[in-house]
Amino acid sequence: EDRDVAFGPDRFDAARSVAGEVSTLHYRMRRVDGREIWVRD
């Protein structure tokens, strides 16, 4: 459900990003033990 948040079109596009601007995202990831956690990126 969160992959579009983490890998949105602006995330890896230098031309569409503001130079030096920090992007803060929150999304869920799954640990190898199966537990789901929230991360701040």
PDB file of all heavy atoms in Angstrom:
ATOM      1  N   GLU A   1       0.813  -1.214   0.000  1.00  0.00           N
ATOM      2  CA  GLU A   1       0.000   0.000   0.000  1.00  0.00           C
ATOM      3  C   GLU A   1       0.847   1.266   0.000  1.00  0.00           C
ATOM      4  O   GLU A   1       0.364   2.345  -0.361  1.00  0.00           O
ATOM      5  CB  GLU A   1      -0.931   0.024   1.224  1.00  0.00           C
ATOM      6  CG  GLU A   1      -1.970  -1.091   1.264  1.00  0.00           C
ATOM      7  CD  GLU A   1      -1.440  -2.318   1.984  1.00  0.00           C
ATOM      8  OE1 GLU A   1      -0.204  -2.396   2.191  1.00  0.00           O
ATOM      9  OE2 GLU A   1      -2.240  -3.198   2.332  1.00  0.00           O
ATOM     10  N   ASP A   2       2.112   1.153   0.409  1.00  0.00           N
ATOM     11  CA  ASP A   2       2.950   2.344   0.558  1.00  0.00           C
ATOM     12  C   ASP A   2       4.029   2.467  -0.506  1.00  0.00           C
ATOM     13  O   ASP A   2       4.835   3.403  -0.466  1.00  0.00           O
ATOM     14  CB  ASP A   2       3.621   2.338   1.944  1.00  0.00           C
ATOM     15  CG  ASP A   2       2.624   2.493   3.076  1.00  0.00           C
ATOM     16  OD1 ASP A   2       1.481   2.897   2.797  1.00  0.00           O
ATOM     17  OD2 ASP A   2       2.991   2.211   4.232  1.00  0.00           O
ATOM     18  N   ARG A   3       4.073   1.543  -1.466  1.00  0.00           N
ATOM     19  CA  ARG A   3       5.163   1.583  -2.451  1.00  0.00           C
ATOM     20  C   ARG A   3       5.109   2.833  -3.321  1.00  0.00           C
ATOM     21  O   ARG A   3       6.148   3.375  -3.710  1.00  0.00           O
ATOM     22  CB  ARG A   3       5.140   0.314  -3.309  1.00  0.00           C
ATOM     23  CG  ARG A   3       5.654  -0.902  -2.561  1.00  0.00           C
ATOM     24  CD  ARG A   3       5.468  -2.195  -3.304  1.00  0.00           C
ATOM     25  NE  ARG A   3       5.869  -3.325  -2.441  1.00  0.00           N
ATOM     26  CZ  ARG A   3       5.569  -4.586  -2.704  1.00  0.00           C
ATOM     27  NH1 ARG A   3       4.857  -4.899  -3.801  1.00  0.00           N
ATOM     28  NH2 ARG A   3       5.963  -5.541  -1.873  1.00  0.00           N
ATOM     29  N   ASP A   4       3.915   3.288  -3.617  1.00  0.00           N
ATOM     30  CA  ASP A   4       3.813   4.516  -4.407  1.00  0.00           C
ATOM     31  C   ASP A   4       4.294   5.728  -3.622  1.00  0.00           C
ATOM     32  O   ASP A   4       4.723   6.722  -4.203  1.00  0.00           O
ATOM     33  CB  ASP A   4       2.362   4.737  -4.855  1.00  0.00           C
ATOM     34  CG  ASP A   4       1.939   3.745  -5.937  1.00  0.00           C
ATOM     35  OD1 ASP A   4       2.831   3.152  -6.564  1.00  0.00           O
ATOM     36  OD2 ASP A   4       0.720   3.569  -6.125  1.00  0.00           O
ATOM     37  N   VAL A   5       4.221   5.651  -2.289  1.00  0.00           N
ATOM     38  CA  VAL A   5       4.736   6.739  -1.454  1.00  0.00           C
ATOM     39  C   VAL A   5       6.250   6.755  -1.496  1.00  0.00           C
ATOM     40  O   VAL A   5       6.888   7.799  -1.696  1.00  0.00           O
ATOM     41  CB  VAL A   5       4.238   6.578   0.005  1.00  0.00           C
ATOM     42  CG1 VAL A   5       4.885   7.628   0.907  1.00  0.00           C
ATOM     43  CG2 VAL A   5       2.726   6.665   0.068  1.00  0.00           C
ATOM     44  N   ALA A   6       6.851   5.573  -1.326  1.00  0.00           N
ATOM     45  CA  ALA A   6       8.311   5.493  -1.252  1.00  0.00           C
ATOM     46  C   ALA A   6       8.984   5.658  -2.611  1.00  0.00           C
ATOM     47  O   ALA A   6      10.119   6.144  -2.690  1.00  0.00           O
ATOM     48  CB  ALA A   6       8.721   4.162  -0.632  1.00  0.00           C
ATOM     49  N   PHE A   7       8.305   5.269  -3.680  1.00  0.00           N
ATOM     50  CA  PHE A   7       8.902   5.320  -5.012  1.00  0.00           C
ATOM     51  C   PHE A   7       8.055   6.177  -5.951  1.00  0.00           C
ATOM     52  O   PHE A   7       7.790   5.813  -7.092  1.00  0.00           O
ATOM     53  CB  PHE A   7       9.056   3.897  -5.578  1.00  0.00           C
ATOM     54  CG  PHE A   7      10.100   3.084  -4.864  1.00  0.00           C
ATOM     55  CD1 PHE A   7       9.770   2.328  -3.749  1.00  0.00           C
ATOM     56  CD2 PHE A   7      11.410   3.103  -5.289  1.00  0.00           C
ATOM     57  CE1 PHE A   7      10.732   1.589  -3.073  1.00  0.00           C
ATOM     58  CE2 PHE A   7      12.385   2.363  -4.627  1.00  0.00           C
ATOM     59  CZ  PHE A   7      12.053   1.609  -3.511  1.00  0.00           C
ATOM     60  N   GLY A   8       7.623   7.329  -5.450  1.00  0.00           N
ATOM     61  CA  GLY A   8       6.841   8.248  -6.269  1.00  0.00           C
ATOM     62  C   GLY A   8       7.666   8.841  -7.392  1.00  0.00           C
ATOM     63  O   GLY A   8       8.906   8.748  -7.411  1.00  0.00           O
ATOM     64  N   PRO A   9       7.027   9.489  -8.371  1.00  0.00           N
ATOM     65  CA  PRO A   9       7.729   9.992  -9.569  1.00  0.00           C
ATOM     66  C   PRO A   9       8.769  11.062  -9.257  1.00  0.00           C
ATOM     67  O   PRO A   9       9.753  11.198  -9.984  1.00  0.00           O
ATOM     68  CB  PRO A   9       6.594  10.552 -10.435  1.00  0.00           C
ATOM     69  CG  PRO A   9       5.468  10.811  -9.482  1.00  0.00           C
ATOM     70  CD  PRO A   9       5.587   9.747  -8.434  1.00  0.00           C
ATOM     71  N   ASP A  10       8.579  11.833  -8.174  1.00  0.00           N
ATOM     72  CA  ASP A  10       9.527  12.912  -7.871  1.00  0.00           C
ATOM     73  C   ASP A  10      10.725  12.437  -7.061  1.00  0.00           C
ATOM     74  O   ASP A  10      11.730  13.145  -6.962  1.00  0.00           O
ATOM     75  CB  ASP A  10       8.821  14.027  -7.078  1.00  0.00           C
ATOM     76  CG  ASP A  10       7.745  14.704  -7.899  1.00  0.00           C
ATOM     77  OD1 ASP A  10       7.769  14.546  -9.133  1.00  0.00           O
ATOM     78  OD2 ASP A  10       6.879  15.367  -7.299  1.00  0.00           O
ATOM     79  N   ARG A  11      10.606  11.213  -6.497  1.00  0.00           N
ATOM     80  CA  ARG A  11      11.627  10.768  -5.545  1.00  0.00           C
ATOM     81  C   ARG A  11      13.011  10.658  -6.194  1.00  0.00           C
ATOM     82  O   ARG A  11      14.018  11.035  -5.592  1.00  0.00           O
ATOM     83  CB  ARG A  11      11.195   9.417  -4.961  1.00  0.00           C
ATOM     84  CG  ARG A  11      12.155   8.884  -3.888  1.00  0.00           C
ATOM     85  CD  ARG A  11      11.853   9.561  -2.564  1.00  0.00           C
ATOM     86  NE  ARG A  11      12.853   9.281  -1.549  1.00  0.00           N
ATOM     87  CZ  ARG A  11      12.917   8.175  -0.827  1.00  0.00           C
ATOM     88  NH1 ARG A  11      12.008   7.240  -1.005  1.00  0.00           N
ATOM     89  NH2 ARG A  11      13.852   8.017   0.075  1.00  0.00           N
ATOM     90  N   PHE A  12      13.090  10.125  -7.407  1.00  0.00           N
ATOM     91  CA  PHE A  12      14.382   9.871  -8.050  1.00  0.00           C
ATOM     92  C   PHE A  12      14.591  10.722  -9.294  1.00  0.00           C
ATOM     93  O   PHE A  12      15.415  10.398 -10.136  1.00  0.00           O
ATOM     94  CB  PHE A  12      14.490   8.381  -8.422  1.00  0.00           C
ATOM     95  CG  PHE A  12      14.383   7.464  -7.234  1.00  0.00           C
ATOM     96  CD1 PHE A  12      13.167   6.903  -6.858  1.00  0.00           C
ATOM     97  CD2 PHE A  12      15.502   7.166  -6.474  1.00  0.00           C
ATOM     98  CE1 PHE A  12      13.079   6.065  -5.766  1.00  0.00           C
ATOM     99  CE2 PHE A  12      15.418   6.316  -5.382  1.00  0.00           C
ATOM    100  CZ  PHE A  12      14.201   5.774  -5.015  1.00  0.00           C
ATOM    101  N   ASP A  13      13.821  11.796  -9.422  1.00  0.00           N
ATOM    102  CA  ASP A  13      13.920  12.647 -10.612  1.00  0.00           C
ATOM    103  C   ASP A  13      14.562  13.966 -10.216  1.00  0.00           C
ATOM    104  O   ASP A  13      13.929  14.826  -9.609  1.00  0.00           O
ATOM    105  CB  ASP A  13      12.522  12.885 -11.199  1.00  0.00           C
ATOM    106  CG  ASP A  13      12.584  13.561 -12.566  1.00  0.00           C
ATOM    107  OD1 ASP A  13      13.623  14.158 -12.881  1.00  0.00           O
ATOM    108  OD2 ASP A  13      11.579  13.471 -13.299  1.00  0.00           O
ATOM    109  N   ALA A  14      15.831  14.129 -10.569  1.00  0.00           N
ATOM    110  CA  ALA A  14      16.552  15.344 -10.188  1.00  0.00           C
ATOM    111  C   ALA A  14      15.940  16.579 -10.822  1.00  0.00           C
ATOM    112  O   ALA A  14      15.929  17.661 -10.234  1.00  0.00           O
ATOM    113  CB  ALA A  14      18.025  15.221 -10.588  1.00  0.00           C
ATOM    114  N   ALA A  15      15.416  16.436 -12.033  1.00  0.00           N
ATOM    115  CA  ALA A  15      14.864  17.589 -12.743  1.00  0.00           C
ATOM    116  C   ALA A  15      13.599  18.101 -12.062  1.00  0.00           C
ATOM    117  O   ALA A  15      13.267  19.280 -12.161  1.00  0.00           O
ATOM    118  CB  ALA A  15      14.566  17.226 -14.196  1.00  0.00           C
ATOM    119  N   ARG A  16      12.887  17.216 -11.348  1.00  0.00           N
ATOM    120  CA  ARG A  16      11.622  17.601 -10.726  1.00  0.00           C
ATOM    121  C   ARG A  16      11.782  17.855  -9.229  1.00  0.00           C
ATOM    122  O   ARG A  16      10.815  18.115  -8.534  1.00  0.00           O
ATOM    123  CB  ARG A  16      10.572  16.512 -10.954  1.00  0.00           C
ATOM    124  CG  ARG A  16      10.284  16.283 -12.435  1.00  0.00           C
ATOM    125  CD  ARG A  16       9.407  15.073 -12.662  1.00  0.00           C
ATOM    126  NE  ARG A  16       8.070  15.234 -12.090  1.00  0.00           N
ATOM    127  CZ  ARG A  16       7.107  14.311 -12.208  1.00  0.00           C
ATOM    128  NH1 ARG A  16       7.338  13.201 -12.872  1.00  0.00           N
ATOM    129  NH2 ARG A  16       5.920  14.520 -11.664  1.00  0.00           N
ATOM    130  N   SER A  17      13.004  17.759  -8.739  1.00  0.00           N
ATOM    131  CA  SER A  17      13.260  18.004  -7.323  1.00  0.00           C
ATOM    132  C   SER A  17      13.935  19.351  -7.137  1.00  0.00           C
ATOM    133  O   SER A  17      14.652  19.829  -8.020  1.00  0.00           O
ATOM    134  CB  SER A  17      14.157  16.904  -6.741  1.00  0.00           C
ATOM    135  OG  SER A  17      13.527  15.639  -6.859  1.00  0.00           O
ATOM    136  N   VAL A  18      13.709  19.958  -5.989  1.00  0.00           N
ATOM    137  CA  VAL A  18      14.366  21.210  -5.652  1.00  0.00           C
ATOM    138  C   VAL A  18      15.725  20.880  -5.054  1.00  0.00           C
ATOM    139  O   VAL A  18      15.825  20.089  -4.105  1.00  0.00           O
ATOM    140  CB  VAL A  18      13.529  22.021  -4.652  1.00  0.00           C
ATOM    141  CG1 VAL A  18      14.263  23.306  -4.265  1.00  0.00           C
ATOM    142  CG2 VAL A  18      12.166  22.319  -5.242  1.00  0.00           C
ATOM    143  N   ALA A  19      16.769  21.463  -5.610  1.00  0.00           N
ATOM    144  CA  ALA A  19      18.126  21.151  -5.174  1.00  0.00           C
ATOM    145  C   ALA A  19      18.285  21.405  -3.680  1.00  0.00           C
ATOM    146  O   ALA A  19      17.956  22.471  -3.180  1.00  0.00           O
ATOM    147  CB  ALA A  19      19.126  21.994  -5.968  1.00  0.00           C
ATOM    148  N   GLY A  20      18.813  20.373  -2.983  1.00  0.00           N
ATOM    149  CA  GLY A  20      19.080  20.520  -1.557  1.00  0.00           C
ATOM    150  C   GLY A  20      17.865  20.398  -0.658  1.00  0.00           C
ATOM    151  O   GLY A  20      18.004  20.446   0.563  1.00  0.00           O
ATOM    152  N   GLU A  21      16.700  20.239  -1.212  1.00  0.00           N
ATOM    153  CA  GLU A  21      15.483  20.151  -0.396  1.00  0.00           C
ATOM    154  C   GLU A  21      15.332  18.760   0.184  1.00  0.00           C
ATOM    155  O   GLU A  21      15.422  17.761  -0.533  1.00  0.00           O
ATOM    156  CB  GLU A  21      14.254  20.503  -1.228  1.00  0.00           C
ATOM    157  CG  GLU A  21      12.962  20.514  -0.421  1.00  0.00           C
ATOM    158  CD  GLU A  21      11.766  20.884  -1.273  1.00  0.00           C
ATOM    159  OE1 GLU A  21      11.222  19.982  -1.946  1.00  0.00           O
ATOM    160  OE2 GLU A  21      11.409  22.068  -1.299  1.00  0.00           O
ATOM    161  N   VAL A  22      15.112  18.694   1.485  1.00  0.00           N
ATOM    162  CA  VAL A  22      14.958  17.406   2.153  1.00  0.00           C
ATOM    163  C   VAL A  22      13.525  16.910   1.988  1.00  0.00           C
ATOM    164  O   VAL A  22      12.571  17.654   2.221  1.00  0.00           O
ATOM    165  CB  VAL A  22      15.311  17.510   3.650  1.00  0.00           C
ATOM    166  CG1 VAL A  22      15.052  16.178   4.353  1.00  0.00           C
ATOM    167  CG2 VAL A  22      16.759  17.921   3.827  1.00  0.00           C
ATOM    168  N   SER A  23      13.407  15.671   1.581  1.00  0.00           N
ATOM    169  CA  SER A  23      12.092  15.037   1.441  1.00  0.00           C
ATOM    170  C   SER A  23      11.886  14.092   2.616  1.00  0.00           C
ATOM    171  O   SER A  23      12.754  13.259   2.900  1.00  0.00           O
ATOM    172  CB  SER A  23      12.021  14.256   0.123  1.00  0.00           C
ATOM    173  OG  SER A  23      10.854  13.457   0.080  1.00  0.00           O
ATOM    174  N   THR A  24      10.762  14.237   3.296  1.00  0.00           N
ATOM    175  CA  THR A  24      10.450  13.369   4.440  1.00  0.00           C
ATOM    176  C   THR A  24       9.238  12.527   4.116  1.00  0.00           C
ATOM    177  O   THR A  24       8.170  13.057   3.792  1.00  0.00           O
ATOM    178  CB  THR A  24      10.180  14.196   5.707  1.00  0.00           C
ATOM    179  OG1 THR A  24      11.331  14.994   6.001  1.00  0.00           O
ATOM    180  CG2 THR A  24       9.887  13.285   6.894  1.00  0.00           C
ATOM    181  N   LEU A  25       9.404  11.220   4.193  1.00  0.00           N
ATOM    182  CA  LEU A  25       8.323  10.282   3.901  1.00  0.00           C
ATOM    183  C   LEU A  25       8.134   9.349   5.080  1.00  0.00           C
ATOM    184  O   LEU A  25       9.086   9.043   5.818  1.00  0.00           O
ATOM    185  CB  LEU A  25       8.641   9.456   2.654  1.00  0.00           C
ATOM    186  CG  LEU A  25       8.905  10.224   1.351  1.00  0.00           C
ATOM    187  CD1 LEU A  25       9.351   9.251   0.263  1.00  0.00           C
ATOM    188  CD2 LEU A  25       7.662  10.975   0.904  1.00  0.00           C
ATOM    189  N   HIS A  26       6.919   8.881   5.265  1.00  0.00           N
ATOM    190  CA  HIS A  26       6.618   7.849   6.253  1.00  0.00           C
ATOM    191  C   HIS A  26       5.967   6.689   5.515  1.00  0.00           C
ATOM    192  O   HIS A  26       4.994   6.889   4.767  1.00  0.00           O
ATOM    193  CB  HIS A  26       5.675   8.365   7.339  1.00  0.00           C
ATOM    194  CG  HIS A  26       6.303   9.323   8.292  1.00  0.00           C
ATOM    195  ND1 HIS A  26       6.429  10.666   8.030  1.00  0.00           N
ATOM    196  CD2 HIS A  26       6.868   9.121   9.528  1.00  0.00           C
ATOM    197  CE1 HIS A  26       7.028  11.269   9.040  1.00  0.00           C
ATOM    198  NE2 HIS A  26       7.303  10.356   9.963  1.00  0.00           N
ATOM    199  N   TYR A  27       6.497   5.488   5.711  1.00  0.00           N
ATOM    200  CA  TYR A  27       5.878   4.306   5.093  1.00  0.00           C
ATOM    201  C   TYR A  27       6.199   3.078   5.929  1.00  0.00           C
ATOM    202  O   TYR A  27       7.049   3.107   6.829  1.00  0.00           O
ATOM    203  CB  TYR A  27       6.322   4.131   3.638  1.00  0.00           C
ATOM    204  CG  TYR A  27       7.816   4.174   3.400  1.00  0.00           C
ATOM    205  CD1 TYR A  27       8.606   3.039   3.557  1.00  0.00           C
ATOM    206  CD2 TYR A  27       8.438   5.356   2.992  1.00  0.00           C
ATOM    207  CE1 TYR A  27       9.974   3.073   3.315  1.00  0.00           C
ATOM    208  CE2 TYR A  27       9.802   5.404   2.748  1.00  0.00           C
ATOM    209  CZ  TYR A  27      10.564   4.255   2.913  1.00  0.00           C
ATOM    210  OH  TYR A  27      11.922   4.297   2.671  1.00  0.00           O
ATOM    211  N   ARG A  28       5.474   2.021   5.623  1.00  0.00           N
ATOM    212  CA  ARG A  28       5.624   0.781   6.387  1.00  0.00           C
ATOM    213  C   ARG A  28       6.553  -0.192   5.669  1.00  0.00           C
ATOM    214  O   ARG A  28       6.503  -0.315   4.443  1.00  0.00           O
ATOM    215  CB  ARG A  28       4.259   0.129   6.601  1.00  0.00           C
ATOM    216  CG  ARG A  28       3.369   0.858   7.591  1.00  0.00           C
ATOM    217  CD  ARG A  28       1.915   0.500   7.438  1.00  0.00           C
ATOM    218  NE  ARG A  28       1.379   1.017   6.171  1.00  0.00           N
ATOM    219  CZ  ARG A  28       0.112   0.889   5.785  1.00  0.00           C
ATOM    220  NH1 ARG A  28      -0.736   0.258   6.566  1.00  0.00           N
ATOM    221  NH2 ARG A  28      -0.291   1.387   4.642  1.00  0.00           N
ATOM    222  N   MET A  29       7.375  -0.883   6.464  1.00  0.00           N
ATOM    223  CA  MET A  29       8.272  -1.900   5.933  1.00  0.00           C
ATOM    224  C   MET A  29       8.101  -3.186   6.746  1.00  0.00           C
ATOM    225  O   MET A  29       7.673  -3.149   7.909  1.00  0.00           O
ATOM    226  CB  MET A  29       9.728  -1.433   5.987  1.00  0.00           C
ATOM    227  CG  MET A  29      10.005  -0.192   5.151  1.00  0.00           C
ATOM    228  SD  MET A  29      11.778   0.170   4.984  1.00  0.00           S
ATOM    229  CE  MET A  29      12.261  -1.071   3.780  1.00  0.00           C
ATOM    230  N   ARG A  30       8.470  -4.300   6.134  1.00  0.00           N
ATOM    231  CA  ARG A  30       8.335  -5.603   6.787  1.00  0.00           C
ATOM    232  C   ARG A  30       9.717  -6.135   7.145  1.00  0.00           C
ATOM    233  O   ARG A  30      10.610  -6.243   6.295  1.00  0.00           O
ATOM    234  CB  ARG A  30       7.612  -6.589   5.878  1.00  0.00           C
ATOM    235  CG  ARG A  30       7.254  -7.912   6.548  1.00  0.00           C
ATOM    236  CD  ARG A  30       6.473  -8.827   5.616  1.00  0.00           C
ATOM    237  NE  ARG A  30       7.315  -9.258   4.483  1.00  0.00           N
ATOM    238  CZ  ARG A  30       7.212  -8.793   3.245  1.00  0.00           C
ATOM    239  NH1 ARG A  30       6.291  -7.853   2.971  1.00  0.00           N
ATOM    240  NH2 ARG A  30       7.990  -9.220   2.270  1.00  0.00           N
ATOM    241  N   ARG A  31       9.901  -6.474   8.410  1.00  0.00           N
ATOM    242  CA  ARG A  31      11.143  -7.102   8.845  1.00  0.00           C
ATOM    243  C   ARG A  31      11.176  -8.560   8.390  1.00  0.00           C
ATOM    244  O   ARG A  31      10.150  -9.142   8.029  1.00  0.00           O
ATOM    245  CB  ARG A  31      11.249  -7.044  10.375  1.00  0.00           C
ATOM    246  CG  ARG A  31      11.520  -5.659  10.946  1.00  0.00           C
ATOM    247  CD  ARG A  31      11.488  -5.680  12.469  1.00  0.00           C
ATOM    248  NE  ARG A  31      12.228  -6.816  13.020  1.00  0.00           N
ATOM    249  CZ  ARG A  31      13.539  -6.814  13.259  1.00  0.00           C
ATOM    250  NH1 ARG A  31      14.250  -5.718  13.002  1.00  0.00           N
ATOM    251  NH2 ARG A  31      14.138  -7.880  13.763  1.00  0.00           N
ATOM    252  N   VAL A  32      12.349  -9.150   8.460  1.00  0.00           N
ATOM    253  CA  VAL A  32      12.463 -10.548   8.030  1.00  0.00           C
ATOM    254  C   VAL A  32      11.697 -11.481   8.963  1.00  0.00           C
ATOM    255  O   VAL A  32      11.326 -12.594   8.563  1.00  0.00           O
ATOM    256  CB  VAL A  32      13.949 -10.977   7.956  1.00  0.00           C
ATOM    257  CG1 VAL A  32      14.668 -10.238   6.851  1.00  0.00           C
ATOM    258  CG2 VAL A  32      14.646 -10.763   9.292  1.00  0.00           C
ATOM    259  N   ASP A  33      11.442 -11.046  10.208  1.00  0.00           N
ATOM    260  CA  ASP A  33      10.655 -11.880  11.126  1.00  0.00           C
ATOM    261  C   ASP A  33       9.158 -11.710  10.923  1.00  0.00           C
ATOM    262  O   ASP A  33       8.351 -12.253  11.679  1.00  0.00           O
ATOM    263  CB  ASP A  33      11.040 -11.582  12.579  1.00  0.00           C
ATOM    264  CG  ASP A  33      10.799 -10.122  12.972  1.00  0.00           C
ATOM    265  OD1 ASP A  33      10.170  -9.386  12.189  1.00  0.00           O
ATOM    266  OD2 ASP A  33      11.247  -9.719  14.069  1.00  0.00           O
ATOM    267  N   GLY A  34       8.769 -10.919   9.911  1.00  0.00           N
ATOM    268  CA  GLY A  34       7.364 -10.741   9.578  1.00  0.00           C
ATOM    269  C   GLY A  34       6.707  -9.551  10.237  1.00  0.00           C
ATOM    270  O   GLY A  34       5.582  -9.182   9.879  1.00  0.00           O
ATOM    271  N   ARG A  35       7.354  -8.945  11.218  1.00  0.00           N
ATOM    272  CA  ARG A  35       6.759  -7.795  11.909  1.00  0.00           C
ATOM    273  C   ARG A  35       6.799  -6.562  11.021  1.00  0.00           C
ATOM    274  O   ARG A  35       7.806  -6.290  10.376  1.00  0.00           O
ATOM    275  CB  ARG A  35       7.502  -7.526  13.219  1.00  0.00           C
ATOM    276  CG  ARG A  35       6.892  -6.411  14.049  1.00  0.00           C
ATOM    277  CD  ARG A  35       7.462  -6.431  15.463  1.00  0.00           C
ATOM    278  NE  ARG A  35       8.899  -6.204  15.474  1.00  0.00           N
ATOM    279  CZ  ARG A  35       9.466  -5.004  15.589  1.00  0.00           C
ATOM    280  NH1 ARG A  35       8.702  -3.911  15.667  1.00  0.00           N
ATOM    281  NH2 ARG A  35      10.777  -4.884  15.619  1.00  0.00           N
ATOM    282  N   GLU A  36       5.687  -5.818  10.994  1.00  0.00           N
ATOM    283  CA  GLU A  36       5.606  -4.599  10.185  1.00  0.00           C
ATOM    284  C   GLU A  36       5.962  -3.402  11.055  1.00  0.00           C
ATOM    285  O   GLU A  36       5.503  -3.279  12.185  1.00  0.00           O
ATOM    286  CB  GLU A  36       4.205  -4.432   9.614  1.00  0.00           C
ATOM    287  CG  GLU A  36       4.069  -3.291   8.625  1.00  0.00           C
ATOM    288  CD  GLU A  36       2.692  -3.214   7.985  1.00  0.00           C
ATOM    289  OE1 GLU A  36       1.763  -2.746   8.664  1.00  0.00           O
ATOM    290  OE2 GLU A  36       2.555  -3.634   6.831  1.00  0.00           O
ATOM    291  N   ILE A  37       6.800  -2.535  10.519  1.00  0.00           N
ATOM    292  CA  ILE A  37       7.208  -1.342  11.259  1.00  0.00           C
ATOM    293  C   ILE A  37       7.005  -0.115  10.373  1.00  0.00           C
ATOM    294  O   ILE A  37       6.927  -0.213   9.146  1.00  0.00           O
ATOM    295  CB  ILE A  37       8.684  -1.420  11.696  1.00  0.00           C
ATOM    296  CG1 ILE A  37       9.595  -1.478  10.467  1.00  0.00           C
ATOM    297  CG2 ILE A  37       8.929  -2.589  12.638  1.00  0.00           C
ATOM    298  CD1 ILE A  37      11.070  -1.339  10.790  1.00  0.00           C
ATOM    299  N   TRP A  38       6.905   1.037  11.032  1.00  0.00           N
ATOM    300  CA  TRP A  38       6.884   2.313  10.320  1.00  0.00           C
ATOM    301  C   TRP A  38       8.306   2.875  10.288  1.00  0.00           C
ATOM    302  O   TRP A  38       9.061   2.732  11.254  1.00  0.00           O
ATOM    303  CB  TRP A  38       5.990   3.318  11.035  1.00  0.00           C
ATOM    304  CG  TRP A  38       4.531   3.191  10.694  1.00  0.00           C
ATOM    305  CD1 TRP A  38       3.593   2.483  11.380  1.00  0.00           C
ATOM    306  CD2 TRP A  38       3.855   3.801   9.593  1.00  0.00           C
ATOM    307  NE1 TRP A  38       2.364   2.603  10.785  1.00  0.00           N
ATOM    308  CE2 TRP A  38       2.498   3.419   9.674  1.00  0.00           C
ATOM    309  CE3 TRP A  38       4.265   4.626   8.550  1.00  0.00           C
ATOM    310  CZ2 TRP A  38       1.548   3.824   8.756  1.00  0.00           C
ATOM    311  CZ3 TRP A  38       3.314   5.044   7.629  1.00  0.00           C
ATOM    312  CH2 TRP A  38       1.983   4.650   7.730  1.00  0.00           C
ATOM    313  N   VAL A  39       8.684   3.482   9.171  1.00  0.00           N
ATOM    314  CA  VAL A  39       9.970   4.163   9.085  1.00  0.00           C
ATOM    315  C   VAL A  39       9.748   5.596   8.629  1.00  0.00           C
ATOM    316  O   VAL A  39       8.776   5.897   7.924  1.00  0.00           O
ATOM    317  CB  VAL A  39      10.961   3.465   8.123  1.00  0.00           C
ATOM    318  CG1 VAL A  39      11.282   2.064   8.599  1.00  0.00           C
ATOM    319  CG2 VAL A  39      10.433   3.457   6.699  1.00  0.00           C
ATOM    320  N   ARG A  40      10.632   6.456   9.098  1.00  0.00           N
ATOM    321  CA  ARG A  40      10.680   7.829   8.597  1.00  0.00           C
ATOM    322  C   ARG A  40      11.904   7.941   7.693  1.00  0.00           C
ATOM    323  O   ARG A  40      13.023   7.661   8.120  1.00  0.00           O
ATOM    324  CB  ARG A  40      10.778   8.828   9.752  1.00  0.00           C
ATOM    325  CG  ARG A  40      10.739  10.284   9.276  1.00  0.00           C
ATOM    326  CD  ARG A  40      10.686  11.263  10.444  1.00  0.00           C
ATOM    327  NE  ARG A  40      11.939  11.316  11.186  1.00  0.00           N
ATOM    328  CZ  ARG A  40      12.110  10.793  12.391  1.00  0.00           C
ATOM    329  NH1 ARG A  40      11.114  10.149  12.985  1.00  0.00           N
ATOM    330  NH2 ARG A  40      13.283  10.884  13.008  1.00  0.00           N
ATOM    331  N   ASP A  41      11.699   8.315   6.452  1.00  0.00           N
ATOM    332  CA  ASP A  41      12.753   8.367   5.434  1.00  0.00           C
ATOM    333  C   ASP A  41      12.983   9.830   5.063  1.00  0.00           C
ATOM    334  O   ASP A  41      12.130  10.463   4.447  1.00  0.00           O
ATOM    335  CB  ASP A  41      12.311   7.546   4.213  1.00  0.00           C
ATOM    336  CG  ASP A  41      13.390   7.451   3.143  1.00  0.00           C
ATOM    337  OD1 ASP A  41      14.394   8.189   3.220  1.00  0.00           O
ATOM    338  OD2 ASP A  41      13.212   6.635   2.216  1.00  0.00           O
TER     339      ASP A  41
END
